[in-house]
PDB file of N, CA and C in Angstrom:
ATOM      1  N   MET A   1       0.852  -1.180   0.000  1.00  0.00           N
ATOM      2  CA  MET A   1       0.000   0.000   0.000  1.00  0.00           C
ATOM      3  C   MET A   1       0.891   1.234   0.000  1.00  0.00           C
ATOM      4  N   TYR A   2       0.412   2.263  -0.621  1.00  0.00           N
ATOM      5  CA  TYR A   2       1.153   3.513  -0.738  1.00  0.00           C
ATOM      6  C   TYR A   2       1.309   4.174   0.625  1.00  0.00           C
ATOM      7  N   LEU A   3       2.371   4.922   0.759  1.00  0.00           N
ATOM      8  CA  LEU A   3       2.592   5.690   1.979  1.00  0.00           C
ATOM      9  C   LEU A   3       3.101   7.064   1.591  1.00  0.00           C
ATOM     10  N   ILE A   4       2.316   8.104   1.914  1.00  0.00           N
ATOM     11  CA  ILE A   4       2.766   9.482   1.697  1.00  0.00           C
ATOM     12  C   ILE A   4       3.429   9.928   2.987  1.00  0.00           C
ATOM     13  N   LYS A   5       4.715  10.174   2.928  1.00  0.00           N
ATOM     14  CA  LYS A   5       5.454  10.588   4.116  1.00  0.00           C
ATOM     15  C   LYS A   5       5.531  12.101   4.250  1.00  0.00           C
ATOM     16  N   ASN A   6       5.513  12.793   3.113  1.00  0.00           N
ATOM     17  CA  ASN A   6       5.804  14.216   3.166  1.00  0.00           C
ATOM     18  C   ASN A   6       5.281  14.901   1.916  1.00  0.00           C
ATOM     19  N   GLN A   7       4.888  16.145   2.095  1.00  0.00           N
ATOM     20  CA  GLN A   7       4.618  17.044   0.985  1.00  0.00           C
ATOM     21  C   GLN A   7       5.656  18.140   1.106  1.00  0.00           C
ATOM     22  N   ARG A   8       6.338  18.438   0.037  1.00  0.00           N
ATOM     23  CA  ARG A   8       7.394  19.446   0.127  1.00  0.00           C
ATOM     24  C   ARG A   8       6.833  20.812   0.431  1.00  0.00           C
ATOM     25  N   THR A   9       5.591  21.017   0.101  1.00  0.00           N
ATOM     26  CA  THR A   9       4.947  22.280   0.433  1.00  0.00           C
ATOM     27  C   THR A   9       3.639  21.976   1.140  1.00  0.00           C
ATOM     28  N   GLN A  10       3.258  22.817   2.058  1.00  0.00           N
ATOM     29  CA  GLN A  10       1.978  22.645   2.727  1.00  0.00           C
ATOM     30  C   GLN A  10       1.026  23.768   2.349  1.00  0.00           C
ATOM     31  N   LEU A  11       1.470  24.625   1.429  1.00  0.00           N
ATOM     32  CA  LEU A  11       0.658  25.736   0.932  1.00  0.00           C
ATOM     33  C   LEU A  11       0.836  25.785  -0.579  1.00  0.00           C
ATOM     34  N   ALA A  12      -0.254  25.778  -1.311  1.00  0.00           N
ATOM     35  CA  ALA A  12      -0.170  25.771  -2.770  1.00  0.00           C
ATOM     36  C   ALA A  12      -1.369  26.503  -3.354  1.00  0.00           C
ATOM     37  N   SER A  13      -1.264  26.812  -4.628  1.00  0.00           N
ATOM     38  CA  SER A  13      -2.347  27.454  -5.381  1.00  0.00           C
ATOM     39  C   SER A  13      -2.740  26.552  -6.536  1.00  0.00           C
ATOM     40  N   PRO A  14      -3.982  26.668  -7.030  1.00  0.00           N
ATOM     41  CA  PRO A  14      -4.367  25.894  -8.201  1.00  0.00           C
ATOM     42  C   PRO A  14      -3.396  26.158  -9.357  1.00  0.00           C
ATOM     43  N   GLY A  15      -3.039  25.087 -10.054  1.00  0.00           N
ATOM     44  CA  GLY A  15      -2.090  25.193 -11.153  1.00  0.00           C
ATOM     45  C   GLY A  15      -0.644  24.984 -10.731  1.00  0.00           C
ATOM     46  N   GLN A  16      -0.387  24.989  -9.432  1.00  0.00           N
ATOM     47  CA  GLN A  16       0.967  24.800  -8.921  1.00  0.00           C
ATOM     48  C   GLN A  16       1.256  23.318  -8.746  1.00  0.00           C
ATOM     49  N   SER A  17       2.491  22.919  -9.004  1.00  0.00           N
ATOM     50  CA  SER A  17       2.907  21.537  -8.813  1.00  0.00           C
ATOM     51  C   SER A  17       3.315  21.312  -7.366  1.00  0.00           C
ATOM     52  N   VAL A  18       2.906  20.170  -6.819  1.00  0.00           N
ATOM     53  CA  VAL A  18       3.239  19.776  -5.451  1.00  0.00           C
ATOM     54  C   VAL A  18       4.007  18.465  -5.533  1.00  0.00           C
ATOM     55  N   THR A  19       5.096  18.358  -4.786  1.00  0.00           N
ATOM     56  CA  THR A  19       5.876  17.126  -4.758  1.00  0.00           C
ATOM     57  C   THR A  19       5.504  16.324  -3.524  1.00  0.00           C
ATOM     58  N   LEU A  20       5.128  15.066  -3.739  1.00  0.00           N
ATOM     59  CA  LEU A  20       4.818  14.139  -2.656  1.00  0.00           C
ATOM     60  C   LEU A  20       5.953  13.136  -2.554  1.00  0.00           C
ATOM     61  N   SER A  21       6.378  12.847  -1.344  1.00  0.00           N
ATOM     62  CA  SER A  21       7.379  11.802  -1.176  1.00  0.00           C
ATOM     63  C   SER A  21       6.814  10.724  -0.267  1.00  0.00           C
ATOM     64  N   GLY A  22       7.269   9.524  -0.480  1.00  0.00           N
ATOM     65  CA  GLY A  22       6.762   8.395   0.290  1.00  0.00           C
ATOM     66  C   GLY A  22       7.364   7.110  -0.221  1.00  0.00           C
ATOM     67  N   SER A  23       6.527   6.088  -0.367  1.00  0.00           N
ATOM     68  CA  SER A  23       7.027   4.811  -0.856  1.00  0.00           C
ATOM     69  C   SER A  23       5.940   4.077  -1.622  1.00  0.00           C
ATOM     70  N   GLU A  24       6.389   3.156  -2.461  1.00  0.00           N
ATOM     71  CA  GLU A  24       5.506   2.282  -3.231  1.00  0.00           C
ATOM     72  C   GLU A  24       4.579   3.045  -4.183  1.00  0.00           C
ATOM     73  N   PHE A  25       5.100   4.106  -4.810  1.00  0.00           N
ATOM     74  CA  PHE A  25       4.293   4.918  -5.724  1.00  0.00           C
ATOM     75  C   PHE A  25       4.204   4.339  -7.141  1.00  0.00           C
ATOM     76  N   ASP A  26       5.015   3.333  -7.465  1.00  0.00           N
ATOM     77  CA  ASP A  26       4.885   2.711  -8.784  1.00  0.00           C
ATOM     78  C   ASP A  26       3.461   2.202  -8.942  1.00  0.00           C
ATOM     79  N   GLY A  27       2.833   2.503 -10.052  1.00  0.00           N
ATOM     80  CA  GLY A  27       1.467   2.057 -10.294  1.00  0.00           C
ATOM     81  C   GLY A  27       0.403   3.073  -9.923  1.00  0.00           C
ATOM     82  N   VAL A  28       0.779   4.163  -9.265  1.00  0.00           N
ATOM     83  CA  VAL A  28      -0.198   5.202  -8.933  1.00  0.00           C
ATOM     84  C   VAL A  28      -0.688   5.833 -10.235  1.00  0.00           C
ATOM     85  N   ASP A  29      -2.000   5.941 -10.380  1.00  0.00           N
ATOM     86  CA  ASP A  29      -2.542   6.569 -11.585  1.00  0.00           C
ATOM     87  C   ASP A  29      -3.498   7.710 -11.269  1.00  0.00           C
ATOM     88  N   ASP A  30      -3.618   8.047  -9.980  1.00  0.00           N
ATOM     89  CA  ASP A  30      -4.474   9.176  -9.610  1.00  0.00           C
ATOM     90  C   ASP A  30      -3.964   9.827  -8.341  1.00  0.00           C
ATOM     91  N   VAL A  31      -3.982  11.145  -8.328  1.00  0.00           N
ATOM     92  CA  VAL A  31      -3.746  11.945  -7.131  1.00  0.00           C
ATOM     93  C   VAL A  31      -4.923  12.896  -7.058  1.00  0.00           C
ATOM     94  N   ALA A  32      -5.600  12.930  -5.914  1.00  0.00           N
ATOM     95  CA  ALA A  32      -6.779  13.780  -5.764  1.00  0.00           C
ATOM     96  C   ALA A  32      -6.583  14.761  -4.623  1.00  0.00           C
ATOM     97  N   PHE A  33      -7.068  15.954  -4.841  1.00  0.00           N
ATOM     98  CA  PHE A  33      -7.057  17.019  -3.839  1.00  0.00           C
ATOM     99  C   PHE A  33      -8.514  17.281  -3.483  1.00  0.00           C
ATOM    100  N   ALA A  34      -8.901  16.983  -2.259  1.00  0.00           N
ATOM    101  CA  ALA A  34     -10.297  17.147  -1.820  1.00  0.00           C
ATOM    102  C   ALA A  34     -11.257  16.443  -2.781  1.00  0.00           C
ATOM    103  N   GLY A  35     -10.856  15.277  -3.256  1.00  0.00           N
ATOM    104  CA  GLY A  35     -11.712  14.491  -4.128  1.00  0.00           C
ATOM    105  C   GLY A  35     -11.664  14.858  -5.593  1.00  0.00           C
ATOM    106  N   THR A  36     -10.917  15.886  -5.954  1.00  0.00           N
ATOM    107  CA  THR A  36     -10.784  16.307  -7.352  1.00  0.00           C
ATOM    108  C   THR A  36      -9.430  15.862  -7.880  1.00  0.00           C
ATOM    109  N   SER A  37      -9.439  15.132  -8.985  1.00  0.00           N
ATOM    110  CA  SER A  37      -8.187  14.623  -9.547  1.00  0.00           C
ATOM    111  C   SER A  37      -7.252  15.759  -9.941  1.00  0.00           C
ATOM    112  N   ALA A  38      -5.959  15.513  -9.740  1.00  0.00           N
ATOM    113  CA  ALA A  38      -4.936  16.480 -10.124  1.00  0.00           C
ATOM    114  C   ALA A  38      -5.019  16.759 -11.619  1.00  0.00           C
ATOM    115  N   ALA A  39      -4.664  17.983 -12.001  1.00  0.00           N
ATOM    116  CA  ALA A  39      -4.661  18.358 -13.411  1.00  0.00           C
ATOM    117  C   ALA A  39      -3.657  17.512 -14.183  1.00  0.00           C
ATOM    118  N   SER A  40      -2.547  17.161 -13.550  1.00  0.00           N
ATOM    119  CA  SER A  40      -1.563  16.264 -14.150  1.00  0.00           C
ATOM    120  C   SER A  40      -0.753  15.631 -13.026  1.00  0.00           C
ATOM    121  N   ILE A  41      -0.257  14.431 -13.278  1.00  0.00           N
ATOM    122  CA  ILE A  41       0.632  13.785 -12.312  1.00  0.00           C
ATOM    123  C   ILE A  41       1.818  13.189 -13.056  1.00  0.00           C
ATOM    124  N   ALA A  42       2.931  13.118 -12.356  1.00  0.00           N
ATOM    125  CA  ALA A  42       4.123  12.458 -12.876  1.00  0.00           C
ATOM    126  C   ALA A  42       4.701  11.614 -11.750  1.00  0.00           C
ATOM    127  N   VAL A  43       4.699  10.301 -11.946  1.00  0.00           N
ATOM    128  CA  VAL A  43       5.345   9.422 -10.979  1.00  0.00           C
ATOM    129  C   VAL A  43       6.823   9.425 -11.344  1.00  0.00           C
ATOM    130  N   VAL A  44       7.575  10.219 -10.594  1.00  0.00           N
ATOM    131  CA  VAL A  44       9.000  10.416 -10.872  1.00  0.00           C
ATOM    132  C   VAL A  44       9.785   9.159 -10.513  1.00  0.00           C
ATOM    133  N   SER A  45       9.396   8.543  -9.399  1.00  0.00           N
ATOM    134  CA  SER A  45      10.060   7.319  -8.939  1.00  0.00           C
ATOM    135  C   SER A  45       9.125   6.615  -7.970  1.00  0.00           C
ATOM    136  N   ASP A  46       9.571   5.509  -7.439  1.00  0.00           N
ATOM    137  CA  ASP A  46       8.800   4.766  -6.445  1.00  0.00           C
ATOM    138  C   ASP A  46       8.584   5.587  -5.179  1.00  0.00           C
ATOM    139  N   THR A  47       9.367   6.654  -5.009  1.00  0.00           N
ATOM    140  CA  THR A  47       9.292   7.458  -3.785  1.00  0.00           C
ATOM    141  C   THR A  47       8.872   8.908  -4.013  1.00  0.00           C
ATOM    142  N   GLN A  48       8.596   9.302  -5.268  1.00  0.00           N
ATOM    143  CA  GLN A  48       8.235  10.700  -5.532  1.00  0.00           C
ATOM    144  C   GLN A  48       7.184  10.828  -6.630  1.00  0.00           C
ATOM    145  N   ILE A  49       6.195  11.697  -6.359  1.00  0.00           N
ATOM    146  CA  ILE A  49       5.164  12.058  -7.338  1.00  0.00           C
ATOM    147  C   ILE A  49       5.083  13.577  -7.383  1.00  0.00           C
ATOM    148  N   ASP A  50       5.000  14.120  -8.595  1.00  0.00           N
ATOM    149  CA  ASP A  50       4.701  15.540  -8.772  1.00  0.00           C
ATOM    150  C   ASP A  50       3.268  15.619  -9.287  1.00  0.00           C
ATOM    151  N   ALA A  51       2.448  16.442  -8.633  1.00  0.00           N
ATOM    152  CA  ALA A  51       1.035  16.556  -9.018  1.00  0.00           C
ATOM    153  C   ALA A  51       0.639  18.023  -9.067  1.00  0.00           C
ATOM    154  N   GLU A  52      -0.138  18.380 -10.081  1.00  0.00           N
ATOM    155  CA  GLU A  52      -0.600  19.759 -10.236  1.00  0.00           C
ATOM    156  C   GLU A  52      -1.944  19.940  -9.533  1.00  0.00           C
ATOM    157  N   VAL A  53      -1.999  20.924  -8.638  1.00  0.00           N
ATOM    158  CA  VAL A  53      -3.235  21.215  -7.899  1.00  0.00           C
ATOM    159  C   VAL A  53      -4.316  21.662  -8.887  1.00  0.00           C
ATOM    160  N   PRO A  54      -5.484  21.015  -8.857  1.00  0.00           N
ATOM    161  CA  PRO A  54      -6.541  21.385  -9.804  1.00  0.00           C
ATOM    162  C   PRO A  54      -7.245  22.675  -9.400  1.00  0.00           C
ATOM    163  N   PHE A  55      -7.822  23.332 -10.380  1.00  0.00           N
ATOM    164  CA  PHE A  55      -8.637  24.505 -10.089  1.00  0.00           C
ATOM    165  C   PHE A  55      -9.958  24.039  -9.480  1.00  0.00           C
ATOM    166  N   GLY A  56     -10.543  24.851  -8.626  1.00  0.00           N
ATOM    167  CA  GLY A  56     -11.827  24.512  -8.015  1.00  0.00           C
ATOM    168  C   GLY A  56     -11.724  23.958  -6.609  1.00  0.00           C
ATOM    169  N   VAL A  57     -10.511  23.783  -6.100  1.00  0.00           N
ATOM    170  CA  VAL A  57     -10.356  23.357  -4.708  1.00  0.00           C
ATOM    171  C   VAL A  57      -9.698  24.484  -3.925  1.00  0.00           C
ATOM    172  N   PHE A  58     -10.049  24.589  -2.651  1.00  0.00           N
ATOM    173  CA  PHE A  58      -9.457  25.627  -1.811  1.00  0.00           C
ATOM    174  C   PHE A  58      -9.587  25.227  -0.352  1.00  0.00           C
ATOM    175  N   GLY A  59      -8.842  25.916   0.496  1.00  0.00           N
ATOM    176  CA  GLY A  59      -8.858  25.631   1.926  1.00  0.00           C
ATOM    177  C   GLY A  59      -7.953  24.449   2.247  1.00  0.00           C
ATOM    178  N   GLN A  60      -8.131  23.878   3.435  1.00  0.00           N
ATOM    179  CA  GLN A  60      -7.344  22.715   3.824  1.00  0.00           C
ATOM    180  C   GLN A  60      -7.934  21.477   3.163  1.00  0.00           C
ATOM    181  N   VAL A  61      -7.129  20.766   2.412  1.00  0.00           N
ATOM    182  CA  VAL A  61      -7.611  19.610   1.659  1.00  0.00           C
ATOM    183  C   VAL A  61      -6.732  18.393   1.924  1.00  0.00           C
ATOM    184  N   ASP A  62      -7.349  17.233   1.878  1.00  0.00           N
ATOM    185  CA  ASP A  62      -6.607  15.977   1.935  1.00  0.00           C
ATOM    186  C   ASP A  62      -6.058  15.676   0.548  1.00  0.00           C
ATOM    187  N   VAL A  63      -4.875  15.111   0.521  1.00  0.00           N
ATOM    188  CA  VAL A  63      -4.271  14.661  -0.722  1.00  0.00           C
ATOM    189  C   VAL A  63      -4.299  13.133  -0.688  1.00  0.00           C
ATOM    190  N   VAL A  64      -4.847  12.530  -1.738  1.00  0.00           N
ATOM    191  CA  VAL A  64      -5.003  11.075  -1.788  1.00  0.00           C
ATOM    192  C   VAL A  64      -4.348  10.546  -3.059  1.00  0.00           C
ATOM    193  N   VAL A  65      -3.515   9.523  -2.907  1.00  0.00           N
ATOM    194  CA  VAL A  65      -2.940   8.841  -4.065  1.00  0.00           C
ATOM    195  C   VAL A  65      -3.578   7.469  -4.172  1.00  0.00           C
ATOM    196  N   GLY A  66      -3.684   6.973  -5.407  1.00  0.00           N
ATOM    197  CA  GLY A  66      -4.267   5.650  -5.538  1.00  0.00           C
ATOM    198  C   GLY A  66      -4.276   5.122  -6.944  1.00  0.00           C
ATOM    199  N   ASN A  67      -4.833   3.938  -7.049  1.00  0.00           N
ATOM    200  CA  ASN A  67      -5.109   3.301  -8.323  1.00  0.00           C
ATOM    201  C   ASN A  67      -6.330   2.416  -8.106  1.00  0.00           C
ATOM    202  N   ARG A  68      -6.604   1.520  -9.019  1.00  0.00           N
ATOM    203  CA  ARG A  68      -7.827   0.737  -8.905  1.00  0.00           C
ATOM    204  C   ARG A  68      -7.821  -0.229  -7.729  1.00  0.00           C
ATOM    205  N   TRP A  69      -6.663  -0.486  -7.114  1.00  0.00           N
ATOM    206  CA  TRP A  69      -6.584  -1.423  -5.998  1.00  0.00           C
ATOM    207  C   TRP A  69      -6.647  -0.765  -4.633  1.00  0.00           C
ATOM    208  N   GLY A  70      -6.490   0.535  -4.546  1.00  0.00           N
ATOM    209  CA  GLY A  70      -6.536   1.162  -3.233  1.00  0.00           C
ATOM    210  C   GLY A  70      -6.104   2.609  -3.262  1.00  0.00           C
ATOM    211  N   LYS A  71      -6.330   3.268  -2.125  1.00  0.00           N
ATOM    212  CA  LYS A  71      -6.005   4.686  -1.988  1.00  0.00           C
ATOM    213  C   LYS A  71      -5.377   4.928  -0.632  1.00  0.00           C
ATOM    214  N   GLN A  72      -4.594   5.999  -0.552  1.00  0.00           N
ATOM    215  CA  GLN A  72      -3.980   6.385   0.709  1.00  0.00           C
ATOM    216  C   GLN A  72      -3.935   7.899   0.818  1.00  0.00           C
ATOM    217  N   SER A  73      -4.349   8.416   1.977  1.00  0.00           N
ATOM    218  CA  SER A  73      -4.338   9.863   2.235  1.00  0.00           C
ATOM    219  C   SER A  73      -3.003  10.287   2.836  1.00  0.00           C
ATOM    220  N   SER A  74      -2.662  11.552   2.591  1.00  0.00           N
ATOM    221  CA  SER A  74      -1.470  12.103   3.228  1.00  0.00           C
ATOM    222  C   SER A  74      -1.749  12.330   4.702  1.00  0.00           C
ATOM    223  N   LEU A  75      -0.706  12.381   5.491  1.00  0.00           N
ATOM    224  CA  LEU A  75      -0.851  12.601   6.921  1.00  0.00           C
ATOM    225  C   LEU A  75      -1.040  14.068   7.274  1.00  0.00           C
ATOM    226  N   VAL A  76      -0.656  14.953   6.346  1.00  0.00           N
ATOM    227  CA  VAL A  76      -0.734  16.396   6.577  1.00  0.00           C
ATOM    228  C   VAL A  76      -1.606  17.014   5.485  1.00  0.00           C
ATOM    229  N   ALA A  77      -2.569  17.821   5.891  1.00  0.00           N
ATOM    230  CA  ALA A  77      -3.435  18.485   4.917  1.00  0.00           C
ATOM    231  C   ALA A  77      -2.656  19.564   4.168  1.00  0.00           C
ATOM    232  N   LEU A  78      -3.043  19.779   2.938  1.00  0.00           N
ATOM    233  CA  LEU A  78      -2.470  20.836   2.107  1.00  0.00           C
ATOM    234  C   LEU A  78      -3.430  22.010   2.133  1.00  0.00           C
ATOM    235  N   THR A  79      -2.913  23.211   2.285  1.00  0.00           N
ATOM    236  CA  THR A  79      -3.743  24.398   2.230  1.00  0.00           C
ATOM    237  C   THR A  79      -3.651  24.998   0.832  1.00  0.00           C
ATOM    238  N   VAL A  80      -4.804  25.081   0.155  1.00  0.00           N
ATOM    239  CA  VAL A  80      -4.854  25.636  -1.200  1.00  0.00           C
ATOM    240  C   VAL A  80      -5.446  27.030  -1.110  1.00  0.00           C
ATOM    241  N   THR A  81      -4.712  28.011  -1.646  1.00  0.00           N
ATOM    242  CA  THR A  81      -5.169  29.401  -1.567  1.00  0.00           C
ATOM    243  C   THR A  81      -5.520  29.935  -2.930  1.00  0.00           C
TER     244      THR A  81
END
């Protein structure tokens, strides 16, 4: 199962890229911010994902990574301004 250990930023704006670090990211095909899929994602490695914050989300939001077999939330909420 995926594990999000860290977000390099805890404050972001729509359209901005956020880097997630953790483990077992191979196979991730979705990153969602408050239930809205990221505008784009790049699985850089098994331990890093870059995801673009989608427009239409704001405030403190959960970041969730997943694929058809499961999902995992980050431990720290992201604030979207």
